[in-house]
Amino acid sequence: MRLAEASCTEGCCGALYVPIQRNGDYVLWDEWRNPDEDEVDLPAFCFEAQEHQREV
């Protein structure tokens, strides 16, 4: 899922992507990616699935 994009365009200054995976009662956001950078220094986030669903 793309969470953010530069105000110009992704091709110019990048964007922030994260796979969102559900595993039973939990949702995991991990393996952050920016096509414009080699590494994205963000930790994994784990949410309770019901809480995640309410917020989304």
Protein backbone atom coordinates (compact mmCIF):
# COMPACT_ATOMS: atom_id res chain seq x y z
CA MET A 1 0.00 0.00 0.00
CA ARG A 2 1.29 3.45 -0.81
CA LEU A 3 1.03 5.57 2.34
CA ALA A 4 2.69 8.76 1.13
CA GLU A 5 4.00 10.36 -2.03
CA ALA A 6 6.20 13.41 -2.51
CA SER A 7 4.33 16.59 -3.43
CA CYS A 8 5.96 16.57 -6.88
CA THR A 9 5.71 12.90 -7.98
CA GLU A 10 6.93 9.48 -6.90
CA GLY A 11 9.30 9.38 -9.86
CA CYS A 12 10.93 12.63 -8.75
CA CYS A 13 11.31 12.36 -4.96
CA GLY A 14 9.89 8.98 -3.96
CA ALA A 15 7.00 7.54 -2.02
CA LEU A 16 6.46 5.33 1.02
CA TYR A 17 5.06 1.82 0.59
CA VAL A 18 4.42 -0.99 3.06
CA PRO A 19 2.93 -4.46 2.65
CA ILE A 20 0.03 -4.94 5.07
CA GLN A 21 -0.35 -8.55 6.14
CA ARG A 22 -3.02 -10.10 8.32
CA ASN A 23 -1.97 -13.08 10.41
CA GLY A 24 -4.84 -14.38 12.54
CA ASP A 25 -5.78 -11.74 15.10
CA TYR A 26 -2.98 -9.37 14.11
CA VAL A 27 -2.06 -7.06 11.24
CA LEU A 28 1.61 -6.43 10.45
CA TRP A 29 3.11 -3.46 8.64
CA ASP A 30 6.70 -4.36 7.72
CA GLU A 31 9.27 -4.26 4.91
CA TRP A 32 8.91 -0.53 4.21
CA ARG A 33 9.97 0.61 0.76
CA ASN A 34 10.72 3.82 -1.09
CA PRO A 35 11.54 3.31 -4.78
CA ASP A 36 13.81 6.37 -4.59
CA GLU A 37 15.94 5.06 -1.66
CA ASP A 38 17.94 1.89 -1.01
CA GLU A 39 16.70 1.54 2.58
CA VAL A 40 13.83 2.86 4.66
CA ASP A 41 14.67 2.92 8.36
CA LEU A 42 11.26 2.24 9.89
CA PRO A 43 10.35 -0.49 12.37
CA ALA A 44 7.66 -3.11 11.92
CA PHE A 45 4.28 -2.23 13.43
CA CYS A 46 1.84 -4.85 14.73
CA PHE A 47 -1.82 -4.06 15.43
CA GLU A 48 -4.75 -6.07 16.72
CA ALA A 49 -6.86 -6.86 13.65
CA GLN A 50 -10.12 -5.52 15.14
CA GLU A 51 -8.46 -2.25 16.15
CA HIS A 52 -6.84 -1.93 12.71
CA GLN A 53 -10.17 -2.50 10.97
CA ARG A 54 -11.89 0.18 13.08
CA GLU A 55 -9.21 2.73 12.23
CA VAL A 56 -9.06 1.94 8.53
